[in-house]
């Protein structure tokens, strides 16, 4: 009987050892998968992609607005200091001698955070945008900015979250290495 009990104990120990080794292997693979996948970083990348797409869409909308209204004297902002005013989609502060005007309004009829009357193109049937986008986070520093300049020049900017996009901010041709900048004059504030 003792020999039989010894074999049973050995088999039970081996089975328990296999189960422990298997569990450890699953945990190691899971941890490695989470480390490599990095869900928070993927979420930051996704929000950055949305920001970049929104800025591209706004660039097209502003360019279309300028083209469609070039025969009229168009305003890039209503009673603002060109090249001295920054409009933002949320509260933000910058260093520098320029004015920051913040709004969370998405309206396209001059009362939104970009003070351009995109509705002027409604009569043409070509309103370039129906609603101004807001940053996916829309809390400082993650807000969109619009800076109007002379001769219908402008700059749009956004702070990107993902470390994988640091090169986009640094190499976009603008003055601010911490913001992704697009437009026709990247020397406009903020910088």
N, C-alpha and C. Protein backbone atom coordinates (compact mmCIF):
# COMPACT_ATOMS: atom_id res chain seq x y z
N UNK A 1 0.81 -1.19 0.00
CA UNK A 1 0.00 0.00 0.00
C UNK A 1 0.86 1.26 0.00
N UNK A 2 1.98 1.20 0.72
CA UNK A 2 2.82 2.38 0.82
C UNK A 2 3.40 2.77 -0.54
N UNK A 3 3.74 1.82 -1.34
CA UNK A 3 4.29 2.10 -2.67
C UNK A 3 3.23 2.80 -3.52
N UNK A 4 2.02 2.32 -3.46
CA UNK A 4 0.94 2.91 -4.22
C UNK A 4 0.68 4.36 -3.77
N UNK A 5 0.71 4.62 -2.46
CA UNK A 5 0.50 5.96 -1.94
C UNK A 5 1.62 6.90 -2.38
N UNK A 6 2.85 6.37 -2.42
CA UNK A 6 3.97 7.18 -2.83
C UNK A 6 3.81 7.60 -4.29
N UNK A 7 3.38 6.71 -5.15
CA UNK A 7 3.15 7.05 -6.56
C UNK A 7 2.04 8.08 -6.71
N UNK A 8 0.99 7.95 -5.93
CA UNK A 8 -0.11 8.90 -6.00
C UNK A 8 0.37 10.28 -5.55
N UNK A 9 1.15 10.36 -4.46
CA UNK A 9 1.67 11.63 -3.99
C UNK A 9 2.60 12.28 -5.01
N UNK A 10 3.41 11.47 -5.66
CA UNK A 10 4.31 11.99 -6.69
C UNK A 10 3.50 12.55 -7.85
N UNK A 11 2.46 11.83 -8.29
CA UNK A 11 1.62 12.31 -9.40
C UNK A 11 0.87 13.58 -9.01
N UNK A 12 0.41 13.67 -7.79
CA UNK A 12 -0.29 14.87 -7.34
C UNK A 12 0.67 16.06 -7.31
N UNK A 13 1.88 15.83 -6.85
CA UNK A 13 2.86 16.91 -6.80
C UNK A 13 3.23 17.37 -8.22
N UNK A 14 3.42 16.42 -9.12
CA UNK A 14 3.75 16.75 -10.50
C UNK A 14 2.60 17.53 -11.13
N UNK A 15 1.37 17.15 -10.91
CA UNK A 15 0.22 17.86 -11.47
C UNK A 15 0.12 19.26 -10.90
N UNK A 16 0.35 19.40 -9.61
CA UNK A 16 0.32 20.72 -8.99
C UNK A 16 1.45 21.59 -9.53
N UNK A 17 2.62 21.01 -9.71
CA UNK A 17 3.75 21.74 -10.26
C UNK A 17 3.45 22.20 -11.69
N UNK A 18 2.86 21.33 -12.52
CA UNK A 18 2.49 21.68 -13.89
C UNK A 18 1.48 22.83 -13.89
N UNK A 19 0.52 22.77 -12.98
CA UNK A 19 -0.49 23.83 -12.90
C UNK A 19 0.15 25.15 -12.52
N UNK A 20 1.06 25.14 -11.57
CA UNK A 20 1.73 26.37 -11.14
C UNK A 20 2.58 26.93 -12.28
N UNK A 21 3.35 26.06 -12.94
CA UNK A 21 4.18 26.51 -14.07
C UNK A 21 3.30 27.08 -15.17
N UNK A 22 2.20 26.44 -15.46
CA UNK A 22 1.27 26.93 -16.49
C UNK A 22 0.70 28.29 -16.13
N UNK A 23 0.31 28.44 -14.88
CA UNK A 23 -0.25 29.71 -14.42
C UNK A 23 0.79 30.83 -14.50
N UNK A 24 2.02 30.53 -14.09
CA UNK A 24 3.09 31.52 -14.17
C UNK A 24 3.34 31.91 -15.64
N UNK A 25 3.34 30.94 -16.53
CA UNK A 25 3.55 31.21 -17.95
C UNK A 25 2.45 32.12 -18.50
N UNK A 26 1.21 31.85 -18.14
CA UNK A 26 0.08 32.68 -18.59
C UNK A 26 0.24 34.10 -18.06
N UNK A 27 0.59 34.24 -16.80
CA UNK A 27 0.78 35.56 -16.21
C UNK A 27 1.91 36.33 -16.88
N UNK A 28 3.02 35.65 -17.16
CA UNK A 28 4.15 36.31 -17.82
C UNK A 28 3.77 36.77 -19.22
N UNK A 29 3.10 35.91 -19.97
CA UNK A 29 2.68 36.27 -21.33
C UNK A 29 1.67 37.43 -21.28
N UNK A 30 0.74 37.39 -20.34
CA UNK A 30 -0.24 38.48 -20.20
C UNK A 30 0.44 39.79 -19.86
N UNK A 31 1.35 39.75 -18.93
CA UNK A 31 2.07 40.97 -18.54
C UNK A 31 2.88 41.51 -19.71
N UNK A 32 3.54 40.62 -20.43
CA UNK A 32 4.33 41.05 -21.59
C UNK A 32 3.41 41.65 -22.65
N UNK A 33 2.25 41.04 -22.85
CA UNK A 33 1.29 41.56 -23.83
C UNK A 33 0.80 42.95 -23.45
N UNK A 34 0.48 43.14 -22.19
CA UNK A 34 0.04 44.46 -21.74
C UNK A 34 1.17 45.48 -21.85
N UNK A 35 2.39 45.06 -21.53
CA UNK A 35 3.52 45.97 -21.63
C UNK A 35 3.74 46.38 -23.09
N UNK A 36 3.69 45.42 -23.99
CA UNK A 36 3.92 45.72 -25.40
C UNK A 36 2.75 46.48 -26.01
N UNK A 37 1.53 46.14 -25.63
CA UNK A 37 0.36 46.80 -26.20
C UNK A 37 0.16 48.19 -25.61
N UNK A 38 0.36 48.34 -24.31
CA UNK A 38 0.28 49.61 -23.60
C UNK A 38 -1.02 50.37 -23.90
N UNK A 39 -2.12 49.91 -23.33
CA UNK A 39 -3.43 50.54 -23.60
C UNK A 39 -3.47 52.06 -23.38
N UNK A 40 -2.87 52.60 -22.32
CA UNK A 40 -2.92 54.08 -22.18
C UNK A 40 -2.25 54.80 -23.35
N UNK A 41 -1.13 54.27 -23.82
CA UNK A 41 -0.43 54.91 -24.95
C UNK A 41 -1.26 54.79 -26.22
N UNK A 42 -1.93 53.67 -26.41
CA UNK A 42 -2.80 53.50 -27.59
C UNK A 42 -3.94 54.51 -27.55
N UNK A 43 -4.49 54.78 -26.35
CA UNK A 43 -5.55 55.77 -26.21
C UNK A 43 -5.02 57.17 -26.55
N UNK A 44 -3.81 57.48 -26.09
CA UNK A 44 -3.21 58.78 -26.41
C UNK A 44 -2.99 58.92 -27.92
N UNK A 45 -2.50 57.86 -28.55
CA UNK A 45 -2.30 57.87 -30.01
C UNK A 45 -3.61 58.08 -30.74
N UNK A 46 -4.66 57.43 -30.29
CA UNK A 46 -5.97 57.56 -30.92
C UNK A 46 -6.47 59.00 -30.81
N UNK A 47 -6.33 59.61 -29.65
CA UNK A 47 -6.75 61.00 -29.48
C UNK A 47 -5.91 61.93 -30.36
N UNK A 48 -4.61 61.65 -30.47
CA UNK A 48 -3.74 62.45 -31.34
C UNK A 48 -4.17 62.35 -32.80
N UNK A 49 -4.52 61.15 -33.23
CA UNK A 49 -4.98 60.98 -34.62
C UNK A 49 -6.23 61.80 -34.86
N UNK A 50 -7.13 61.84 -33.88
CA UNK A 50 -8.34 62.64 -34.01
C UNK A 50 -7.99 64.13 -34.08
N UNK A 51 -7.05 64.57 -33.26
CA UNK A 51 -6.63 65.98 -33.28
C UNK A 51 -6.06 66.36 -34.65
N UNK A 52 -5.18 65.51 -35.16
CA UNK A 52 -4.56 65.78 -36.46
C UNK A 52 -5.62 65.85 -37.55
N UNK A 53 -6.55 64.91 -37.53
CA UNK A 53 -7.64 64.90 -38.53
C UNK A 53 -8.50 66.16 -38.39
N UNK A 54 -8.82 66.54 -37.17
CA UNK A 54 -9.63 67.75 -36.95
C UNK A 54 -8.92 68.99 -37.48
N UNK A 55 -7.61 69.10 -37.24
CA UNK A 55 -6.86 70.26 -37.75
C UNK A 55 -6.80 70.25 -39.27
N UNK A 56 -6.68 69.08 -39.87
CA UNK A 56 -6.70 69.00 -41.34
C UNK A 56 -8.05 69.44 -41.88
N UNK A 57 -9.13 68.99 -41.23
CA UNK A 57 -10.47 69.38 -41.66
C UNK A 57 -10.69 70.89 -41.50
N UNK A 58 -10.21 71.45 -40.40
CA UNK A 58 -10.34 72.89 -40.20
C UNK A 58 -9.52 73.67 -41.22
N UNK A 59 -8.34 73.17 -41.55
CA UNK A 59 -7.51 73.82 -42.57
C UNK A 59 -8.26 73.87 -43.89
N UNK A 60 -8.86 72.76 -44.28
CA UNK A 60 -9.63 72.73 -45.53
C UNK A 60 -10.81 73.69 -45.46
N UNK A 61 -11.49 73.73 -44.31
CA UNK A 61 -12.64 74.62 -44.16
C UNK A 61 -12.23 76.08 -44.26
N UNK A 62 -11.14 76.45 -43.60
CA UNK A 62 -10.68 77.85 -43.65
C UNK A 62 -10.21 78.20 -45.05
N UNK A 63 -9.46 77.30 -45.69
CA UNK A 63 -8.99 77.56 -47.06
C UNK A 63 -10.16 77.72 -48.02
N UNK A 64 -11.18 76.89 -47.86
CA UNK A 64 -12.37 77.00 -48.72
C UNK A 64 -13.10 78.31 -48.44
N UNK A 65 -13.20 78.69 -47.19
CA UNK A 65 -13.83 79.95 -46.82
C UNK A 65 -13.10 81.12 -47.48
N UNK A 66 -11.78 81.11 -47.40
CA UNK A 66 -10.99 82.19 -48.01
C UNK A 66 -11.20 82.22 -49.52
N UNK A 67 -11.15 81.06 -50.15
CA UNK A 67 -11.32 80.98 -51.61
C UNK A 67 -12.71 81.45 -52.03
N UNK A 68 -13.74 80.99 -51.34
CA UNK A 68 -15.11 81.32 -51.73
C UNK A 68 -15.47 82.77 -51.46
N UNK A 69 -14.75 83.42 -50.58
CA UNK A 69 -15.10 84.78 -50.20
C UNK A 69 -14.00 85.78 -50.55
N UNK A 70 -13.12 85.43 -51.46
CA UNK A 70 -12.00 86.31 -51.76
C UNK A 70 -12.42 87.61 -52.44
N UNK A 71 -13.58 87.62 -53.09
CA UNK A 71 -14.03 88.85 -53.75
C UNK A 71 -14.56 89.86 -52.74
N UNK A 72 -14.97 89.37 -51.58
CA UNK A 72 -15.44 90.24 -50.52
C UNK A 72 -14.27 90.51 -49.57
N UNK A 73 -14.39 91.58 -48.81
CA UNK A 73 -13.37 91.82 -47.79
C UNK A 73 -13.70 90.92 -46.61
N UNK A 74 -12.97 89.83 -46.50
CA UNK A 74 -13.28 88.87 -45.45
C UNK A 74 -12.53 89.20 -44.18
N UNK A 75 -13.14 88.86 -43.09
CA UNK A 75 -12.54 89.05 -41.78
C UNK A 75 -12.07 87.69 -41.27
N UNK A 76 -10.83 87.62 -40.83
CA UNK A 76 -10.33 86.38 -40.25
C UNK A 76 -10.66 86.33 -38.76
N UNK A 77 -11.09 87.46 -38.24
CA UNK A 77 -11.62 87.51 -36.87
C UNK A 77 -12.34 88.85 -36.72
N UNK A 78 -13.33 88.88 -35.89
CA UNK A 78 -14.13 90.08 -35.70
C UNK A 78 -13.51 90.97 -34.63
N UNK A 79 -13.03 92.14 -35.04
CA UNK A 79 -12.47 93.15 -34.13
C UNK A 79 -11.40 92.57 -33.20
N UNK A 80 -10.46 91.89 -33.76
CA UNK A 80 -9.36 91.37 -32.95
C UNK A 80 -8.05 91.94 -33.47
N UNK A 81 -7.03 91.83 -32.69
CA UNK A 81 -5.71 92.27 -33.11
C UNK A 81 -5.06 91.18 -33.94
N UNK A 82 -5.02 91.37 -35.25
CA UNK A 82 -4.38 90.37 -36.10
C UNK A 82 -2.94 90.17 -35.65
N UNK A 83 -2.52 88.94 -35.60
CA UNK A 83 -1.19 88.52 -35.19
C UNK A 83 -0.92 88.78 -33.71
N UNK A 84 -1.94 89.19 -32.95
CA UNK A 84 -1.76 89.44 -31.53
C UNK A 84 -2.81 88.71 -30.69
N UNK A 85 -3.73 87.99 -31.34
CA UNK A 85 -4.81 87.33 -30.62
C UNK A 85 -4.79 85.84 -30.94
N UNK A 86 -4.99 85.03 -29.92
CA UNK A 86 -5.09 83.58 -30.07
C UNK A 86 -6.46 83.17 -29.55
N UNK A 87 -7.20 82.44 -30.37
CA UNK A 87 -8.51 81.92 -29.97
C UNK A 87 -8.34 80.45 -29.64
N UNK A 88 -8.98 79.98 -28.58
CA UNK A 88 -8.82 78.58 -28.19
C UNK A 88 -10.16 77.92 -27.89
N UNK A 89 -10.17 76.60 -28.03
CA UNK A 89 -11.39 75.80 -27.82
C UNK A 89 -11.62 75.49 -26.35
N UNK A 90 -10.80 76.04 -25.48
CA UNK A 90 -10.92 75.82 -24.04
C UNK A 90 -9.92 76.71 -23.33
N UNK A 91 -10.03 76.75 -22.02
CA UNK A 91 -9.14 77.60 -21.23
C UNK A 91 -7.68 77.15 -21.37
N UNK A 92 -6.82 78.12 -21.64
CA UNK A 92 -5.39 77.85 -21.75
C UNK A 92 -4.63 79.16 -21.55
N UNK A 93 -3.43 79.05 -21.07
CA UNK A 93 -2.60 80.25 -20.90
C UNK A 93 -1.25 80.02 -21.57
N UNK A 94 -0.73 81.09 -22.13
CA UNK A 94 0.57 81.05 -22.78
C UNK A 94 1.39 82.22 -22.28
N UNK A 95 2.69 82.09 -22.35
CA UNK A 95 3.56 83.23 -22.08
C UNK A 95 3.67 84.02 -23.37
N UNK A 96 3.74 85.32 -23.25
CA UNK A 96 3.89 86.15 -24.43
C UNK A 96 2.98 87.36 -24.36
N UNK A 97 3.21 88.28 -25.28
CA UNK A 97 2.44 89.52 -25.29
C UNK A 97 1.32 89.45 -26.32
N UNK A 98 0.45 88.49 -26.16
CA UNK A 98 -0.72 88.38 -27.02
C UNK A 98 -1.93 88.04 -26.16
N UNK A 99 -3.09 88.23 -26.73
CA UNK A 99 -4.35 88.02 -26.02
C UNK A 99 -4.88 86.63 -26.34
N UNK A 100 -5.36 85.92 -25.32
CA UNK A 100 -5.97 84.60 -25.52
C UNK A 100 -7.45 84.72 -25.21
N UNK A 101 -8.28 84.33 -26.19
CA UNK A 101 -9.74 84.33 -26.01
C UNK A 101 -10.21 82.89 -26.11
N UNK A 102 -10.85 82.42 -25.05
CA UNK A 102 -11.28 81.02 -24.99
C UNK A 102 -12.79 80.89 -25.09
N UNK A 103 -13.23 79.84 -25.77
CA UNK A 103 -14.65 79.53 -25.87
C UNK A 103 -14.79 78.04 -26.15
N UNK A 104 -15.85 77.43 -25.68
CA UNK A 104 -16.10 76.02 -25.99
C UNK A 104 -17.25 75.89 -26.99
N UNK A 105 -17.63 77.00 -27.60
CA UNK A 105 -18.73 76.99 -28.57
C UNK A 105 -18.26 76.39 -29.90
N UNK A 106 -19.07 75.49 -30.45
CA UNK A 106 -18.76 74.84 -31.73
C UNK A 106 -19.53 75.45 -32.90
N UNK A 107 -20.18 76.57 -32.67
CA UNK A 107 -21.01 77.21 -33.68
C UNK A 107 -20.12 77.79 -34.79
N UNK A 108 -20.59 77.73 -36.03
CA UNK A 108 -19.78 78.16 -37.17
C UNK A 108 -20.16 79.55 -37.69
N UNK A 109 -20.95 80.30 -36.93
CA UNK A 109 -21.41 81.61 -37.42
C UNK A 109 -20.73 82.77 -36.70
N UNK A 110 -19.49 82.75 -36.51
CA UNK A 110 -18.62 83.76 -35.90
C UNK A 110 -18.65 83.75 -34.38
N UNK A 111 -19.59 83.05 -33.77
CA UNK A 111 -19.67 83.03 -32.31
C UNK A 111 -18.99 81.80 -31.72
N UNK A 112 -18.44 80.94 -32.55
CA UNK A 112 -17.72 79.76 -32.07
C UNK A 112 -16.31 80.12 -31.66
N UNK A 113 -15.55 79.10 -31.27
CA UNK A 113 -14.19 79.38 -30.80
C UNK A 113 -13.29 79.90 -31.91
N UNK A 114 -13.61 79.59 -33.17
CA UNK A 114 -12.94 80.24 -34.31
C UNK A 114 -13.91 81.32 -34.80
N UNK A 115 -13.54 82.58 -34.71
CA UNK A 115 -14.47 83.66 -35.05
C UNK A 115 -14.54 83.95 -36.55
N UNK A 116 -14.79 82.91 -37.33
CA UNK A 116 -14.99 83.05 -38.77
C UNK A 116 -16.43 82.68 -39.05
N UNK A 117 -17.08 83.43 -39.91
CA UNK A 117 -18.47 83.15 -40.25
C UNK A 117 -18.52 82.16 -41.41
N UNK A 118 -18.33 80.88 -41.08
CA UNK A 118 -18.38 79.84 -42.11
C UNK A 118 -19.77 79.77 -42.74
N UNK A 119 -20.78 80.29 -42.07
CA UNK A 119 -22.14 80.24 -42.62
C UNK A 119 -22.29 81.14 -43.85
N UNK A 120 -21.31 82.03 -44.12
CA UNK A 120 -21.37 82.83 -45.34
C UNK A 120 -21.42 81.94 -46.57
N UNK A 121 -20.83 80.76 -46.46
CA UNK A 121 -20.81 79.85 -47.60
C UNK A 121 -22.08 79.04 -47.72
N UNK A 122 -23.00 79.19 -46.77
CA UNK A 122 -24.26 78.44 -46.83
C UNK A 122 -25.03 78.81 -48.10
N UNK A 123 -24.95 80.09 -48.49
CA UNK A 123 -25.66 80.49 -49.70
C UNK A 123 -25.05 79.84 -50.94
N UNK A 124 -23.81 79.43 -50.85
CA UNK A 124 -23.16 78.75 -51.95
C UNK A 124 -23.41 77.25 -51.92
N UNK A 125 -24.03 76.80 -50.84
CA UNK A 125 -24.26 75.36 -50.70
C UNK A 125 -23.00 74.60 -50.38
N UNK A 126 -21.98 75.29 -49.90
CA UNK A 126 -20.69 74.66 -49.67
C UNK A 126 -20.14 74.95 -48.28
N UNK A 127 -20.98 75.00 -47.27
CA UNK A 127 -20.45 75.25 -45.94
C UNK A 127 -19.40 74.19 -45.64
N UNK A 128 -18.16 74.62 -45.42
CA UNK A 128 -17.06 73.66 -45.26
C UNK A 128 -17.13 72.84 -43.98
N UNK A 129 -17.83 73.34 -42.99
CA UNK A 129 -17.97 72.57 -41.76
C UNK A 129 -19.29 72.95 -41.11
N UNK A 130 -19.94 72.00 -40.50
CA UNK A 130 -21.22 72.26 -39.84
C UNK A 130 -21.03 72.56 -38.35
N UNK A 131 -19.88 72.17 -37.81
CA UNK A 131 -19.62 72.32 -36.39
C UNK A 131 -18.12 72.37 -36.17
N UNK A 132 -17.67 73.29 -35.33
CA UNK A 132 -16.24 73.36 -35.02
C UNK A 132 -15.88 72.22 -34.06
N UNK A 133 -14.81 71.50 -34.35
CA UNK A 133 -14.43 70.41 -33.44
C UNK A 133 -13.82 70.95 -32.15
N UNK A 134 -13.95 70.19 -31.11
CA UNK A 134 -13.28 70.46 -29.85
C UNK A 134 -12.26 69.37 -29.63
N UNK A 135 -11.19 69.68 -28.94
CA UNK A 135 -10.18 68.68 -28.62
C UNK A 135 -10.82 67.53 -27.85
N UNK A 136 -10.38 66.28 -28.10
CA UNK A 136 -10.96 65.13 -27.39
C UNK A 136 -10.89 65.24 -25.86
N UNK A 137 -9.87 65.94 -25.34
CA UNK A 137 -9.74 66.14 -23.90
C UNK A 137 -10.28 67.53 -23.53
N UNK A 138 -9.87 68.54 -24.27
CA UNK A 138 -10.27 69.94 -24.14
C UNK A 138 -10.03 70.51 -22.75
N UNK A 139 -8.91 70.15 -22.17
CA UNK A 139 -8.43 70.71 -20.91
C UNK A 139 -6.96 71.06 -21.14
N UNK A 140 -6.54 72.21 -20.61
CA UNK A 140 -5.17 72.67 -20.82
C UNK A 140 -4.16 71.57 -20.53
N UNK A 141 -3.19 71.35 -21.37
CA UNK A 141 -2.82 72.07 -22.58
C UNK A 141 -3.49 71.52 -23.85
N UNK A 142 -4.37 70.56 -23.67
CA UNK A 142 -4.97 69.88 -24.82
C UNK A 142 -6.23 70.59 -25.30
N UNK A 143 -6.01 71.74 -25.95
CA UNK A 143 -7.08 72.50 -26.59
C UNK A 143 -6.58 72.92 -27.97
N UNK A 144 -7.50 73.19 -28.88
CA UNK A 144 -7.14 73.70 -30.20
C UNK A 144 -6.96 75.22 -30.10
N UNK A 145 -6.06 75.75 -30.93
CA UNK A 145 -5.93 77.20 -31.02
C UNK A 145 -6.01 77.64 -32.47
N UNK A 146 -6.48 78.86 -32.66
CA UNK A 146 -6.57 79.51 -33.96
C UNK A 146 -5.97 80.89 -33.81
N UNK A 147 -5.02 81.23 -34.69
CA UNK A 147 -4.38 82.55 -34.66
C UNK A 147 -4.53 83.19 -36.04
N UNK A 148 -5.26 84.31 -36.13
CA UNK A 148 -5.43 85.00 -37.41
C UNK A 148 -4.26 85.95 -37.67
N UNK A 149 -3.94 86.09 -38.95
CA UNK A 149 -2.87 86.99 -39.34
C UNK A 149 -3.32 87.90 -40.47
N UNK A 150 -2.43 88.73 -40.92
CA UNK A 150 -2.71 89.65 -42.02
C UNK A 150 -2.81 88.89 -43.33
N UNK A 151 -3.55 89.46 -44.28
CA UNK A 151 -3.70 88.88 -45.62
C UNK A 151 -4.25 87.46 -45.58
N UNK A 152 -5.21 87.24 -44.71
CA UNK A 152 -5.90 85.95 -44.58
C UNK A 152 -4.98 84.82 -44.13
N UNK A 153 -3.87 85.15 -43.51
CA UNK A 153 -2.98 84.11 -42.97
C UNK A 153 -3.56 83.62 -41.64
N UNK A 154 -3.22 82.40 -41.29
CA UNK A 154 -3.72 81.83 -40.04
C UNK A 154 -2.83 80.68 -39.60
N UNK A 155 -2.99 80.31 -38.33
CA UNK A 155 -2.32 79.13 -37.79
C UNK A 155 -3.29 78.42 -36.86
N UNK A 156 -3.33 77.10 -36.95
CA UNK A 156 -4.07 76.23 -36.04
C UNK A 156 -3.05 75.40 -35.28
N UNK A 157 -3.33 75.10 -34.01
CA UNK A 157 -2.40 74.26 -33.28
C UNK A 157 -3.12 73.39 -32.26
N UNK A 158 -2.44 72.32 -31.87
CA UNK A 158 -2.93 71.40 -30.85
C UNK A 158 -1.74 70.75 -30.17
N UNK A 159 -1.88 70.51 -28.88
CA UNK A 159 -0.86 69.74 -28.16
C UNK A 159 -1.17 68.27 -28.36
N UNK A 160 -0.14 67.49 -28.67
CA UNK A 160 -0.30 66.05 -28.85
C UNK A 160 0.16 65.34 -27.58
N UNK A 161 -0.51 64.25 -27.24
CA UNK A 161 -0.24 63.54 -25.98
C UNK A 161 0.83 62.46 -26.10
N UNK A 162 0.81 61.70 -27.17
CA UNK A 162 1.66 60.52 -27.28
C UNK A 162 3.13 60.90 -27.51
N UNK A 163 4.01 60.20 -26.80
CA UNK A 163 5.44 60.44 -27.00
C UNK A 163 5.86 60.04 -28.42
N UNK A 164 5.09 59.17 -29.04
CA UNK A 164 5.41 58.77 -30.42
C UNK A 164 5.20 59.91 -31.40
N UNK A 165 4.48 60.97 -31.00
CA UNK A 165 4.22 62.10 -31.89
C UNK A 165 5.05 63.34 -31.56
N UNK A 166 6.00 63.19 -30.66
CA UNK A 166 6.85 64.34 -30.31
C UNK A 166 7.56 64.91 -31.54
N UNK A 167 7.94 64.05 -32.46
CA UNK A 167 8.64 64.52 -33.67
C UNK A 167 7.70 65.35 -34.55
N UNK A 168 6.40 65.05 -34.55
CA UNK A 168 5.47 65.85 -35.35
C UNK A 168 5.42 67.29 -34.84
N UNK A 169 5.42 67.46 -33.54
CA UNK A 169 5.39 68.80 -32.96
C UNK A 169 6.69 69.54 -33.21
N UNK A 170 7.79 68.85 -33.12
CA UNK A 170 9.10 69.48 -33.26
C UNK A 170 9.45 69.78 -34.72
N UNK A 171 8.92 69.00 -35.65
CA UNK A 171 9.33 69.11 -37.05
C UNK A 171 8.25 69.64 -37.98
N UNK A 172 7.22 70.31 -37.45
CA UNK A 172 6.12 70.79 -38.29
C UNK A 172 6.40 72.14 -38.94
N UNK A 173 7.54 72.77 -38.61
CA UNK A 173 7.89 74.06 -39.20
C UNK A 173 7.44 75.24 -38.37
N UNK A 174 6.72 74.99 -37.29
CA UNK A 174 6.26 76.07 -36.43
C UNK A 174 7.28 76.41 -35.35
N UNK A 175 6.97 77.46 -34.59
CA UNK A 175 7.90 77.92 -33.55
C UNK A 175 7.76 77.16 -32.24
N UNK A 176 6.59 76.58 -31.98
CA UNK A 176 6.33 75.91 -30.70
C UNK A 176 6.59 74.41 -30.84
N UNK A 177 7.63 73.93 -30.19
CA UNK A 177 7.98 72.51 -30.29
C UNK A 177 7.09 71.62 -29.45
N UNK A 178 6.17 72.21 -28.68
CA UNK A 178 5.26 71.43 -27.84
C UNK A 178 3.83 71.42 -28.37
N UNK A 179 3.64 71.95 -29.58
CA UNK A 179 2.32 71.95 -30.20
C UNK A 179 2.47 71.60 -31.67
N UNK A 180 1.50 70.87 -32.19
CA UNK A 180 1.44 70.53 -33.61
C UNK A 180 0.77 71.72 -34.30
N UNK A 181 1.44 72.30 -35.31
CA UNK A 181 0.98 73.52 -35.94
C UNK A 181 0.79 73.34 -37.43
N UNK A 182 -0.33 73.86 -37.95
CA UNK A 182 -0.63 73.86 -39.39
C UNK A 182 -1.21 75.21 -39.75
N UNK A 183 -1.19 75.54 -41.03
CA UNK A 183 -1.77 76.80 -41.49
C UNK A 183 -0.88 77.45 -42.53
N UNK A 184 -1.16 78.73 -42.78
CA UNK A 184 -0.42 79.45 -43.82
C UNK A 184 0.69 80.33 -43.26
N UNK A 185 0.69 80.55 -41.93
CA UNK A 185 1.77 81.32 -41.30
C UNK A 185 2.06 80.73 -39.93
N UNK A 186 3.04 79.86 -39.85
CA UNK A 186 3.35 79.17 -38.60
C UNK A 186 4.17 80.03 -37.65
N UNK A 187 4.44 81.29 -38.04
CA UNK A 187 5.14 82.22 -37.15
C UNK A 187 4.18 83.01 -36.25
N UNK A 188 2.89 82.79 -36.44
CA UNK A 188 1.90 83.46 -35.58
C UNK A 188 1.93 82.86 -34.20
N UNK A 189 1.46 83.61 -33.18
CA UNK A 189 1.41 83.02 -31.83
C UNK A 189 0.36 81.92 -31.78
N UNK A 190 0.36 81.06 -30.82
CA UNK A 190 1.27 81.00 -29.67
C UNK A 190 2.60 80.33 -30.04
N UNK A 191 3.62 80.74 -29.34
CA UNK A 191 4.95 80.15 -29.51
C UNK A 191 5.72 80.23 -28.25
